Amino acid sequence: MKFAIALFSPPHAPASRRALRFAQAVLDGGHEIVRLFFYQDGVHSASASVVTPQDELDSAAEWRALVSRHQLDGVVCIAAALRRGVLNEEEARRYERDAANLPAPWELSGLGQLHEAAQLADRLVCFGGN
């Protein structure tokens, strides 16, 4: 089965941990993730600036490792990211900011990527949000 996963919650929220565990279970079950889409406060899960206390799960690092290890399509909504100060090198230059905090393997793109993922997948599963 093909899944698209959308995350709307920040990395410290329970929904982020549930989404991460769900994604791992999907892959462990032999299924496919066609796209991970991070939207609203979920974009912070892709930021290299998130610092997690040592006694908590570093879900941002876990997401980065999962995307890299399985070569997943990890997309961060550009509008939500810019609004929250999550920038790749190109956007940092464009907006004349001192630093970028969106490392590889993440890709900034528009909300159309979520729509396309829903079309490509058998199931779209969303975590967090209102």
Protein backbone atom coordinates (compact mmCIF):
# COMPACT_ATOMS: atom_id res chain seq x y z
CA MET A 1 0.00 0.00 0.00
CA LYS A 2 1.17 3.56 -0.73
CA PHE A 3 0.94 6.16 2.02
CA ALA A 4 1.30 9.92 2.09
CA ILE A 5 1.87 11.37 5.54
CA ALA A 6 1.24 14.97 6.55
CA LEU A 7 2.49 16.38 9.84
CA PHE A 8 0.99 19.58 11.22
CA SER A 9 2.41 19.53 14.79
CA PRO A 10 5.78 20.69 16.17
CA PRO A 11 8.47 18.13 16.99
CA HIS A 12 7.78 18.11 20.74
CA ALA A 13 4.07 17.30 20.31
CA PRO A 14 2.71 13.77 20.79
CA ALA A 15 1.32 13.85 17.23
CA SER A 16 4.85 14.18 15.85
CA ARG A 17 6.02 11.11 17.74
CA ARG A 18 2.94 9.17 16.60
CA ALA A 19 3.55 10.19 12.98
CA LEU A 20 7.19 9.11 13.23
CA ARG A 21 6.26 5.72 14.68
CA PHE A 22 3.53 5.30 12.07
CA ALA A 23 5.99 6.05 9.25
CA GLN A 24 8.45 3.54 10.67
CA ALA A 25 5.70 0.90 10.94
CA VAL A 26 4.60 1.56 7.35
CA LEU A 27 8.12 0.94 6.08
CA ASP A 28 8.71 -2.03 8.39
CA GLY A 29 5.47 -3.52 7.06
CA GLY A 30 6.79 -3.43 3.50
CA HIS A 31 4.59 -0.54 2.40
CA GLU A 32 5.66 2.62 0.58
CA ILE A 33 5.65 6.25 1.64
CA VAL A 34 5.18 8.37 -1.48
CA ARG A 35 5.73 11.64 0.38
CA LEU A 36 6.12 13.12 3.83
CA PHE A 37 4.67 16.64 3.93
CA PHE A 38 5.41 18.99 6.81
CA TYR A 39 2.95 21.86 7.20
CA GLN A 40 2.04 24.52 9.79
CA ASP A 41 4.13 23.93 12.96
CA GLY A 42 5.23 20.59 11.54
CA VAL A 43 7.90 22.46 9.56
CA HIS A 44 9.93 22.76 12.78
CA SER A 45 10.54 19.00 12.56
CA ALA A 46 12.76 19.68 9.57
CA SER A 47 14.71 22.54 11.17
CA ALA A 48 18.32 22.02 12.17
CA SER A 49 17.83 24.69 14.85
CA VAL A 50 15.62 22.57 17.10
CA VAL A 51 17.42 21.60 20.31
CA THR A 52 15.82 18.78 22.24
CA PRO A 53 16.55 18.10 25.93
CA GLN A 54 18.73 15.03 26.42
CA ASP A 55 15.99 13.09 28.20
CA GLU A 56 13.48 13.51 25.35
CA LEU A 57 13.17 11.95 21.92
CA ASP A 58 14.84 14.15 19.30
CA SER A 59 12.08 13.70 16.76
CA ALA A 60 13.60 16.24 14.35
CA ALA A 61 16.78 14.14 14.18
CA GLU A 62 14.71 10.95 13.93
CA TRP A 63 12.73 12.37 10.98
CA ARG A 64 15.95 13.45 9.25
CA ALA A 65 17.46 9.99 9.73
CA LEU A 66 14.31 8.22 8.50
CA VAL A 67 14.10 10.37 5.36
CA SER A 68 17.81 9.89 4.61
CA ARG A 69 17.93 6.17 5.39
CA HIS A 70 14.94 5.32 3.21
CA GLN A 71 15.50 8.08 0.61
CA LEU A 72 11.98 9.40 1.19
CA ASP A 73 10.47 12.45 -0.43
CA GLY A 74 10.49 14.86 2.53
CA VAL A 75 8.72 18.09 1.61
CA VAL A 76 8.40 21.16 3.81
CA CYS A 77 5.70 23.69 2.90
CA ILE A 78 7.55 26.81 1.82
CA ALA A 79 4.91 29.30 2.99
CA ALA A 80 4.65 27.72 6.44
CA ALA A 81 8.44 27.42 6.69
CA LEU A 82 9.15 31.05 5.76
CA ARG A 83 6.54 32.25 8.23
CA ARG A 84 8.31 30.29 10.97
CA GLY A 85 11.89 31.14 10.00
CA VAL A 86 12.76 27.75 8.54
CA LEU A 87 14.98 28.53 5.53
CA ASN A 88 17.16 26.64 3.11
CA GLU A 89 20.29 28.28 1.63
CA GLU A 90 18.42 29.76 -1.34
CA GLU A 91 15.66 31.35 0.75
CA ALA A 92 18.16 32.64 3.32
CA ARG A 93 19.97 34.48 0.52
CA ARG A 94 16.73 35.71 -1.04
CA TYR A 95 15.50 37.20 2.23
CA GLU A 96 18.98 38.32 3.30
CA ARG A 97 19.09 36.22 6.44
CA ASP A 98 22.36 35.26 8.11
CA ALA A 99 21.81 31.53 8.21
CA ALA A 100 19.86 28.64 6.78
CA ASN A 101 18.45 25.97 9.06
CA LEU A 102 16.85 23.54 6.62
CA PRO A 103 19.48 20.94 5.74
CA ALA A 104 19.36 18.10 3.26
CA PRO A 105 17.41 15.88 2.75
CA TRP A 106 14.47 18.29 3.07
CA GLU A 107 12.94 20.10 0.10
CA LEU A 108 10.96 23.34 0.27
CA SER A 109 7.92 23.30 -1.99
CA GLY A 110 4.33 24.42 -2.20
CA LEU A 111 1.06 23.03 -0.93
CA GLY A 112 0.45 21.49 -4.36
CA GLN A 113 2.89 18.77 -3.29
CA LEU A 114 0.42 17.67 -0.62
CA HIS A 115 -2.37 17.54 -3.17
CA GLU A 116 -0.20 15.51 -5.54
CA ALA A 117 0.80 13.14 -2.72
CA ALA A 118 -2.87 12.51 -1.95
CA GLN A 119 -3.40 11.60 -5.60
CA LEU A 120 -0.39 9.27 -5.74
CA ALA A 121 -1.10 7.47 -2.48
CA ASP A 122 -3.72 4.92 -1.52
CA ARG A 123 -4.06 6.67 1.85
CA LEU A 124 -3.26 10.16 3.14
CA VAL A 125 -2.74 10.10 6.90
CA CYS A 126 -2.55 13.43 8.76
CA PHE A 127 -1.15 14.01 12.23
CA GLY A 128 -1.78 17.06 14.41
CA GLY A 129 -3.39 20.33 13.45
CA ASN A 130 -6.76 21.74 14.37
